[in-house]
N, C-alpha and C. Protein backbone atom coordinates (compact mmCIF):
# COMPACT_ATOMS: atom_id res chain seq x y z
N MET A 1 -44.44 -174.00 -55.60
CA MET A 1 -44.12 -175.56 -55.48
C MET A 1 -43.92 -176.07 -56.89
N GLN A 2 -42.95 -176.93 -57.14
CA GLN A 2 -42.83 -177.53 -58.32
C GLN A 2 -43.78 -178.71 -58.64
N PRO A 3 -44.25 -179.02 -59.71
CA PRO A 3 -45.02 -180.16 -59.97
C PRO A 3 -44.27 -181.48 -59.61
N GLU A 4 -43.05 -181.50 -59.83
CA GLU A 4 -42.18 -182.67 -59.54
C GLU A 4 -42.23 -182.87 -58.02
N SER A 5 -42.32 -181.90 -57.22
CA SER A 5 -42.27 -181.97 -55.74
C SER A 5 -43.51 -182.62 -55.24
N LEU A 6 -44.66 -182.28 -55.93
CA LEU A 6 -45.95 -182.87 -55.60
C LEU A 6 -45.91 -184.25 -55.88
N SER A 7 -45.51 -184.64 -57.23
CA SER A 7 -45.31 -185.95 -57.60
C SER A 7 -44.43 -186.85 -56.70
N LYS A 8 -43.32 -186.27 -56.28
CA LYS A 8 -42.47 -187.10 -55.31
C LYS A 8 -43.17 -187.24 -54.03
N ALA A 9 -43.85 -186.30 -53.58
CA ALA A 9 -44.52 -186.30 -52.18
C ALA A 9 -45.59 -187.56 -52.25
N ILE A 10 -46.45 -187.61 -53.43
CA ILE A 10 -47.29 -188.67 -53.48
C ILE A 10 -46.60 -189.89 -53.71
N GLN A 11 -45.56 -190.05 -54.37
CA GLN A 11 -44.89 -191.39 -54.47
C GLN A 11 -44.39 -191.73 -53.08
N LEU A 12 -43.88 -190.94 -52.26
CA LEU A 12 -43.34 -191.33 -51.00
C LEU A 12 -44.49 -191.72 -50.03
N SER A 13 -45.72 -191.30 -50.17
CA SER A 13 -46.85 -191.53 -49.32
C SER A 13 -47.42 -192.80 -49.66
N VAL A 14 -47.20 -193.48 -50.97
CA VAL A 14 -47.90 -194.62 -51.36
C VAL A 14 -47.76 -195.77 -50.38
N ALA A 15 -46.51 -196.10 -50.15
CA ALA A 15 -46.29 -197.27 -49.26
C ALA A 15 -47.00 -197.23 -47.85
N PRO A 16 -46.84 -196.15 -47.12
CA PRO A 16 -47.61 -196.04 -45.96
C PRO A 16 -49.19 -196.13 -46.05
N VAL A 17 -49.64 -195.73 -47.26
CA VAL A 17 -51.15 -195.78 -47.48
C VAL A 17 -51.57 -197.22 -47.76
N PHE A 18 -50.71 -198.06 -48.35
CA PHE A 18 -51.00 -199.49 -48.54
C PHE A 18 -50.90 -200.05 -47.10
N LEU A 19 -49.99 -199.74 -46.30
CA LEU A 19 -50.00 -200.23 -44.88
C LEU A 19 -51.27 -199.90 -44.18
N LEU A 20 -51.80 -198.74 -44.33
CA LEU A 20 -53.12 -198.32 -43.83
C LEU A 20 -54.24 -199.21 -44.13
N ALA A 21 -54.17 -199.47 -45.49
CA ALA A 21 -55.26 -200.38 -45.94
C ALA A 21 -55.17 -201.79 -45.40
N GLY A 22 -53.90 -202.32 -45.34
CA GLY A 22 -53.77 -203.59 -44.60
C GLY A 22 -54.20 -203.60 -43.03
N ILE A 23 -53.87 -202.54 -42.55
CA ILE A 23 -54.35 -202.35 -41.05
C ILE A 23 -55.89 -202.19 -40.94
N GLY A 24 -56.51 -201.53 -41.83
CA GLY A 24 -57.92 -201.49 -41.97
C GLY A 24 -58.56 -202.86 -42.15
N ALA A 25 -57.93 -203.68 -43.00
CA ALA A 25 -58.44 -205.06 -43.12
C ALA A 25 -58.40 -205.80 -41.84
N LEU A 26 -57.31 -205.61 -41.20
CA LEU A 26 -57.02 -206.37 -39.96
C LEU A 26 -58.02 -205.81 -38.90
N MET A 27 -58.28 -204.67 -38.87
CA MET A 27 -59.23 -204.01 -37.93
C MET A 27 -60.65 -204.68 -38.20
N ASN A 28 -61.00 -204.86 -39.41
CA ASN A 28 -62.24 -205.45 -39.97
C ASN A 28 -62.44 -206.94 -39.29
N VAL A 29 -61.31 -207.70 -39.46
CA VAL A 29 -61.21 -208.98 -38.89
C VAL A 29 -61.54 -209.06 -37.35
N LEU A 30 -60.84 -208.05 -36.69
CA LEU A 30 -60.90 -207.97 -35.25
C LEU A 30 -62.27 -207.64 -34.76
N TYR A 31 -62.88 -206.72 -35.57
CA TYR A 31 -64.19 -206.29 -35.22
C TYR A 31 -65.28 -207.40 -35.46
N GLY A 32 -65.05 -208.18 -36.40
CA GLY A 32 -65.94 -209.41 -36.68
C GLY A 32 -65.75 -210.38 -35.57
N ARG A 33 -64.50 -210.51 -35.12
CA ARG A 33 -64.28 -211.45 -33.86
C ARG A 33 -64.89 -210.96 -32.68
N LEU A 34 -64.81 -209.70 -32.49
CA LEU A 34 -65.39 -209.03 -31.27
C LEU A 34 -66.90 -209.19 -31.27
N VAL A 35 -67.49 -209.04 -32.45
CA VAL A 35 -68.99 -209.27 -32.40
C VAL A 35 -69.41 -210.69 -32.17
N ARG A 36 -68.64 -211.71 -32.59
CA ARG A 36 -68.77 -213.02 -32.38
C ARG A 36 -68.58 -213.43 -30.91
N ILE A 37 -67.62 -212.77 -30.35
CA ILE A 37 -67.41 -213.07 -28.90
C ILE A 37 -68.55 -212.45 -28.12
N VAL A 38 -68.96 -211.23 -28.36
CA VAL A 38 -70.05 -210.73 -27.64
C VAL A 38 -71.43 -211.47 -27.81
N ASP A 39 -71.66 -211.87 -29.12
CA ASP A 39 -72.85 -212.72 -29.40
C ASP A 39 -72.87 -214.10 -28.69
N THR A 40 -71.73 -214.67 -28.64
CA THR A 40 -71.58 -215.98 -27.90
C THR A 40 -71.81 -215.72 -26.36
N ALA A 41 -71.19 -214.71 -25.88
CA ALA A 41 -71.21 -214.41 -24.34
C ALA A 41 -72.71 -214.18 -24.00
N LYS A 42 -73.42 -213.46 -24.94
CA LYS A 42 -74.84 -213.30 -24.64
C LYS A 42 -75.55 -214.58 -24.72
N GLN A 43 -75.37 -215.37 -25.69
CA GLN A 43 -75.96 -216.79 -25.61
C GLN A 43 -75.66 -217.60 -24.32
N LEU A 44 -74.43 -217.56 -24.02
CA LEU A 44 -73.94 -218.26 -22.70
C LEU A 44 -74.74 -217.67 -21.56
N ARG A 45 -74.82 -216.32 -21.42
CA ARG A 45 -75.48 -215.65 -20.25
C ARG A 45 -76.87 -216.21 -20.31
N ALA A 46 -77.65 -216.24 -21.55
CA ALA A 46 -79.07 -216.65 -21.63
C ALA A 46 -79.13 -218.11 -21.09
N THR A 47 -78.22 -218.87 -21.61
CA THR A 47 -78.25 -220.25 -21.12
C THR A 47 -78.06 -220.37 -19.72
N ARG A 48 -77.17 -219.68 -19.20
CA ARG A 48 -76.91 -219.77 -17.57
C ARG A 48 -78.25 -219.34 -16.96
N GLU A 49 -79.00 -218.38 -17.34
CA GLU A 49 -80.17 -217.96 -16.79
C GLU A 49 -81.31 -219.12 -16.84
N VAL A 50 -81.22 -219.94 -17.78
CA VAL A 50 -82.07 -220.93 -17.91
C VAL A 50 -81.69 -222.06 -17.06
N THR A 51 -80.44 -222.48 -17.26
CA THR A 51 -79.90 -223.68 -16.57
C THR A 51 -79.40 -223.38 -15.10
N GLY A 52 -79.06 -222.20 -14.87
CA GLY A 52 -78.53 -221.78 -13.65
C GLY A 52 -76.95 -222.10 -13.45
N SER A 53 -76.28 -222.57 -14.60
CA SER A 53 -74.79 -222.83 -14.44
C SER A 53 -74.11 -222.35 -15.63
N MET A 54 -72.89 -221.83 -15.36
CA MET A 54 -72.07 -221.49 -16.36
C MET A 54 -70.62 -221.63 -15.76
N ASP A 55 -69.82 -222.23 -16.55
CA ASP A 55 -68.36 -222.46 -16.15
C ASP A 55 -67.71 -221.16 -15.94
N GLU A 56 -67.10 -220.90 -14.64
CA GLU A 56 -66.52 -219.56 -14.39
C GLU A 56 -65.12 -219.48 -15.28
N ARG A 57 -64.56 -220.58 -15.63
CA ARG A 57 -63.40 -220.56 -16.54
C ARG A 57 -63.90 -219.99 -17.91
N THR A 58 -64.91 -220.59 -18.39
CA THR A 58 -65.38 -220.12 -19.68
C THR A 58 -65.61 -218.71 -19.74
N ARG A 59 -66.34 -218.09 -18.63
CA ARG A 59 -66.58 -216.72 -18.56
C ARG A 59 -65.30 -215.95 -18.60
N ARG A 60 -64.34 -216.52 -17.84
CA ARG A 60 -63.12 -215.68 -17.68
C ARG A 60 -62.27 -215.62 -19.11
N ILE A 61 -62.50 -216.82 -19.82
CA ILE A 61 -61.78 -216.77 -21.17
C ILE A 61 -62.46 -215.85 -22.19
N TYR A 62 -63.78 -215.84 -22.17
CA TYR A 62 -64.61 -214.81 -22.99
C TYR A 62 -64.26 -213.49 -22.71
N ARG A 63 -64.08 -213.18 -21.47
CA ARG A 63 -63.67 -211.74 -20.91
C ARG A 63 -62.37 -211.46 -21.36
N GLN A 64 -61.40 -212.41 -21.28
CA GLN A 64 -59.96 -212.14 -21.73
C GLN A 64 -60.03 -211.93 -23.21
N ARG A 65 -60.69 -212.80 -24.10
CA ARG A 65 -60.76 -212.59 -25.45
C ARG A 65 -61.31 -211.16 -25.80
N MET A 66 -62.29 -210.75 -25.16
CA MET A 66 -62.95 -209.49 -25.40
C MET A 66 -61.81 -208.44 -25.22
N GLN A 67 -61.26 -208.50 -23.97
CA GLN A 67 -60.27 -207.48 -23.65
C GLN A 67 -59.04 -207.43 -24.55
N LEU A 68 -58.68 -208.63 -25.04
CA LEU A 68 -57.42 -208.69 -25.98
C LEU A 68 -57.88 -208.05 -27.41
N THR A 69 -59.04 -208.30 -27.78
CA THR A 69 -59.51 -207.87 -28.99
C THR A 69 -59.74 -206.30 -28.97
N MET A 70 -60.25 -205.87 -27.84
CA MET A 70 -60.48 -204.37 -27.72
C MET A 70 -59.00 -203.70 -27.69
N ARG A 71 -58.12 -204.32 -26.98
CA ARG A 71 -56.76 -203.74 -26.96
C ARG A 71 -56.02 -203.69 -28.31
N ALA A 72 -56.18 -204.72 -29.02
CA ALA A 72 -55.72 -204.88 -30.48
C ALA A 72 -56.30 -203.78 -31.27
N ILE A 73 -57.64 -203.56 -31.24
CA ILE A 73 -58.19 -202.64 -32.04
C ILE A 73 -57.75 -201.21 -31.50
N ALA A 74 -57.52 -200.88 -30.34
CA ALA A 74 -56.93 -199.68 -29.86
C ALA A 74 -55.67 -199.48 -30.33
N LEU A 75 -54.86 -200.42 -30.22
CA LEU A 75 -53.40 -200.31 -30.77
C LEU A 75 -53.29 -200.06 -32.23
N LEU A 76 -54.26 -200.73 -32.96
CA LEU A 76 -54.31 -200.51 -34.36
C LEU A 76 -54.85 -199.13 -34.76
N THR A 77 -55.65 -198.67 -33.99
CA THR A 77 -56.31 -197.32 -34.22
C THR A 77 -55.01 -196.24 -33.96
N ALA A 78 -54.40 -196.43 -32.82
CA ALA A 78 -53.12 -195.61 -32.58
C ALA A 78 -51.98 -195.73 -33.69
N THR A 79 -51.89 -196.92 -34.28
CA THR A 79 -51.02 -197.17 -35.35
C THR A 79 -51.40 -196.36 -36.65
N THR A 80 -52.71 -196.35 -36.87
CA THR A 80 -53.23 -195.65 -38.07
C THR A 80 -52.94 -194.15 -38.02
N LEU A 81 -53.19 -193.66 -36.76
CA LEU A 81 -52.80 -192.28 -36.49
C LEU A 81 -51.45 -191.76 -36.61
N LEU A 82 -50.42 -192.78 -36.26
CA LEU A 82 -49.05 -192.43 -36.31
C LEU A 82 -48.65 -192.55 -37.83
N ILE A 83 -49.11 -193.57 -38.64
CA ILE A 83 -48.77 -193.68 -39.89
C ILE A 83 -49.34 -192.50 -40.72
N SER A 84 -50.52 -192.04 -40.33
CA SER A 84 -51.13 -190.81 -41.03
C SER A 84 -50.25 -189.66 -40.70
N ALA A 85 -49.75 -189.52 -39.52
CA ALA A 85 -48.74 -188.52 -39.16
C ALA A 85 -47.47 -188.58 -40.02
N VAL A 86 -46.98 -189.80 -40.23
CA VAL A 86 -45.89 -190.10 -41.09
C VAL A 86 -45.95 -189.70 -42.53
N VAL A 87 -47.16 -189.93 -43.11
CA VAL A 87 -47.64 -189.57 -44.40
C VAL A 87 -47.60 -188.01 -44.46
N ALA A 88 -48.19 -187.32 -43.43
CA ALA A 88 -48.38 -185.92 -43.64
C ALA A 88 -47.00 -185.28 -43.40
N ALA A 89 -46.01 -185.79 -42.40
CA ALA A 89 -44.74 -185.16 -42.43
C ALA A 89 -43.95 -185.46 -43.70
N MET A 90 -44.07 -186.59 -44.26
CA MET A 90 -43.40 -186.85 -45.44
C MET A 90 -43.93 -185.83 -46.72
N PHE A 91 -45.09 -185.69 -46.58
CA PHE A 91 -45.63 -184.81 -47.68
C PHE A 91 -45.13 -183.27 -47.45
N LEU A 92 -45.20 -182.90 -46.24
CA LEU A 92 -44.76 -181.49 -45.98
C LEU A 92 -43.28 -181.34 -46.13
N SER A 93 -42.46 -182.34 -45.80
CA SER A 93 -41.12 -182.50 -45.99
C SER A 93 -40.77 -182.17 -47.49
N VAL A 94 -41.43 -182.83 -48.39
CA VAL A 94 -41.18 -182.64 -49.83
C VAL A 94 -41.65 -181.35 -50.20
N VAL A 95 -42.89 -180.88 -49.86
CA VAL A 95 -43.50 -179.70 -50.36
C VAL A 95 -42.79 -178.39 -49.89
N PHE A 96 -42.30 -178.47 -48.69
CA PHE A 96 -41.61 -177.27 -48.17
C PHE A 96 -40.16 -177.43 -48.07
N GLN A 97 -39.70 -178.51 -48.68
CA GLN A 97 -38.14 -178.78 -48.69
C GLN A 97 -37.56 -178.83 -47.35
N LEU A 98 -38.11 -179.47 -46.36
CA LEU A 98 -37.63 -179.60 -45.05
C LEU A 98 -37.11 -180.99 -44.79
N ASN A 99 -36.08 -181.05 -43.90
CA ASN A 99 -35.75 -182.39 -43.58
C ASN A 99 -36.43 -182.75 -42.15
N LEU A 100 -37.43 -183.59 -42.32
CA LEU A 100 -38.28 -183.95 -41.19
C LEU A 100 -37.89 -185.46 -40.86
N THR A 101 -36.75 -185.86 -41.11
CA THR A 101 -36.27 -187.26 -40.89
C THR A 101 -36.40 -187.54 -39.32
N ALA A 102 -35.95 -186.64 -38.55
CA ALA A 102 -35.98 -186.67 -37.14
C ALA A 102 -37.33 -186.87 -36.59
N VAL A 103 -38.36 -186.53 -37.36
CA VAL A 103 -39.84 -186.64 -36.93
C VAL A 103 -40.44 -187.92 -37.45
N VAL A 104 -40.01 -188.11 -38.81
CA VAL A 104 -40.71 -189.29 -39.44
C VAL A 104 -40.15 -190.68 -38.94
N VAL A 105 -38.86 -190.82 -38.69
CA VAL A 105 -38.29 -192.06 -38.14
C VAL A 105 -39.02 -192.53 -37.00
N PRO A 106 -38.98 -191.66 -35.84
CA PRO A 106 -39.56 -192.13 -34.61
C PRO A 106 -41.08 -192.42 -34.70
N LEU A 107 -41.70 -191.68 -35.63
CA LEU A 107 -43.26 -191.87 -35.71
C LEU A 107 -43.35 -193.28 -36.38
N PHE A 108 -42.59 -193.59 -37.37
CA PHE A 108 -42.80 -194.86 -38.14
C PHE A 108 -42.30 -196.03 -37.35
N ILE A 109 -41.32 -195.93 -36.43
CA ILE A 109 -40.84 -196.90 -35.58
C ILE A 109 -41.99 -197.22 -34.56
N SER A 110 -42.48 -196.04 -33.91
CA SER A 110 -43.59 -196.24 -32.93
C SER A 110 -44.81 -196.98 -33.46
N ALA A 111 -45.05 -196.62 -34.60
CA ALA A 111 -46.21 -197.27 -35.32
C ALA A 111 -46.08 -198.68 -35.62
N MET A 112 -44.74 -199.08 -35.97
CA MET A 112 -44.38 -200.55 -36.20
C MET A 112 -44.54 -201.31 -34.79
N VAL A 113 -44.02 -200.66 -33.67
CA VAL A 113 -44.11 -201.27 -32.41
C VAL A 113 -45.54 -201.47 -32.06
N LEU A 114 -46.40 -200.61 -32.16
CA LEU A 114 -47.82 -200.66 -31.87
C LEU A 114 -48.39 -201.76 -32.79
N LEU A 115 -48.11 -201.77 -34.06
CA LEU A 115 -48.54 -202.84 -34.90
C LEU A 115 -48.18 -204.26 -34.44
N MET A 116 -46.85 -204.40 -33.93
CA MET A 116 -46.49 -205.72 -33.41
C MET A 116 -47.32 -206.02 -32.05
N LEU A 117 -47.45 -205.08 -31.27
CA LEU A 117 -48.29 -205.36 -30.01
C LEU A 117 -49.69 -205.69 -30.31
N ALA A 118 -50.38 -205.03 -31.25
CA ALA A 118 -51.60 -205.36 -31.67
C ALA A 118 -51.68 -206.78 -32.25
N SER A 119 -50.63 -207.24 -33.09
CA SER A 119 -50.52 -208.58 -33.57
C SER A 119 -50.32 -209.53 -32.47
N LEU A 120 -49.55 -209.25 -31.36
CA LEU A 120 -49.58 -210.21 -30.34
C LEU A 120 -50.83 -210.39 -29.63
N CYS A 121 -51.58 -209.31 -29.36
CA CYS A 121 -52.89 -209.49 -28.85
C CYS A 121 -53.77 -210.21 -29.64
N PHE A 122 -53.70 -209.99 -30.81
CA PHE A 122 -54.62 -210.93 -31.84
C PHE A 122 -54.31 -212.33 -31.69
N LEU A 123 -52.92 -212.69 -31.64
CA LEU A 123 -52.41 -214.09 -31.54
C LEU A 123 -52.85 -214.72 -30.29
N ARG A 124 -52.84 -213.87 -29.26
CA ARG A 124 -53.20 -214.49 -27.86
C ARG A 124 -54.78 -214.69 -27.89
N GLU A 125 -55.53 -213.86 -28.53
CA GLU A 125 -56.98 -213.97 -28.51
C GLU A 125 -57.21 -215.36 -29.30
N VAL A 126 -56.45 -215.42 -30.45
CA VAL A 126 -56.72 -216.73 -31.30
C VAL A 126 -56.41 -217.83 -30.43
N GLN A 127 -55.35 -217.84 -29.67
CA GLN A 127 -55.00 -219.01 -28.87
C GLN A 127 -56.04 -219.31 -27.86
N LEU A 128 -56.65 -218.33 -27.25
CA LEU A 128 -57.69 -218.55 -26.17
C LEU A 128 -58.89 -219.14 -26.91
N ALA A 129 -59.26 -218.58 -28.07
CA ALA A 129 -60.38 -219.32 -28.87
C ALA A 129 -60.17 -220.80 -29.07
N ALA A 130 -58.86 -220.93 -29.55
CA ALA A 130 -58.64 -222.49 -29.75
C ALA A 130 -58.68 -223.22 -28.54
N LYS A 131 -58.15 -222.80 -27.54
CA LYS A 131 -58.15 -223.49 -26.18
C LYS A 131 -59.62 -223.74 -25.79
N LEU A 132 -60.37 -222.70 -26.01
CA LEU A 132 -61.76 -222.93 -25.68
C LEU A 132 -62.59 -223.98 -26.64
N LEU A 133 -62.10 -224.03 -27.64
CA LEU A 133 -62.73 -224.91 -28.67
C LEU A 133 -62.20 -226.37 -28.32
N GLN A 134 -61.05 -226.45 -27.87
CA GLN A 134 -60.43 -227.73 -27.59
C GLN A 134 -61.19 -228.34 -26.40
N ASN A 135 -61.33 -227.43 -25.44
CA ASN A 135 -62.24 -227.91 -24.30
C ASN A 135 -63.69 -228.32 -24.58
N LEU A 136 -64.16 -227.83 -25.68
CA LEU A 136 -65.53 -228.22 -26.06
C LEU A 136 -65.70 -229.47 -26.82
N ILE A 137 -64.57 -229.83 -27.55
CA ILE A 137 -64.45 -230.98 -28.37
C ILE A 137 -64.15 -232.21 -27.64
């Protein structure tokens, strides 16, 4: 293998690696939101046990928020796996001088679709949180 090939492989893999870093940051945000949802739900449950009442609508919204956040995290995890496969395929393509375009393109498109779906789940969760807050104010 030529040193130029290794350098080219590394150059090609830089952009997807930055994308992985951004996805990692988004996963961190989602994890923080999930922790807050769970903590608040526990507080509501404790309050319900003391007062004997809890709005069923509020419980449903917290359940939906948790499900959406978990779904977004699962989709982002799948996205990271696909992007990692893209980086590996690009690296192998350069190192072994193979044309893996037919592999890389569908993997990358699939990763972007999963990223969009995760973003939509995140948006919906934020909308539910805002709706819940508006009801409290």
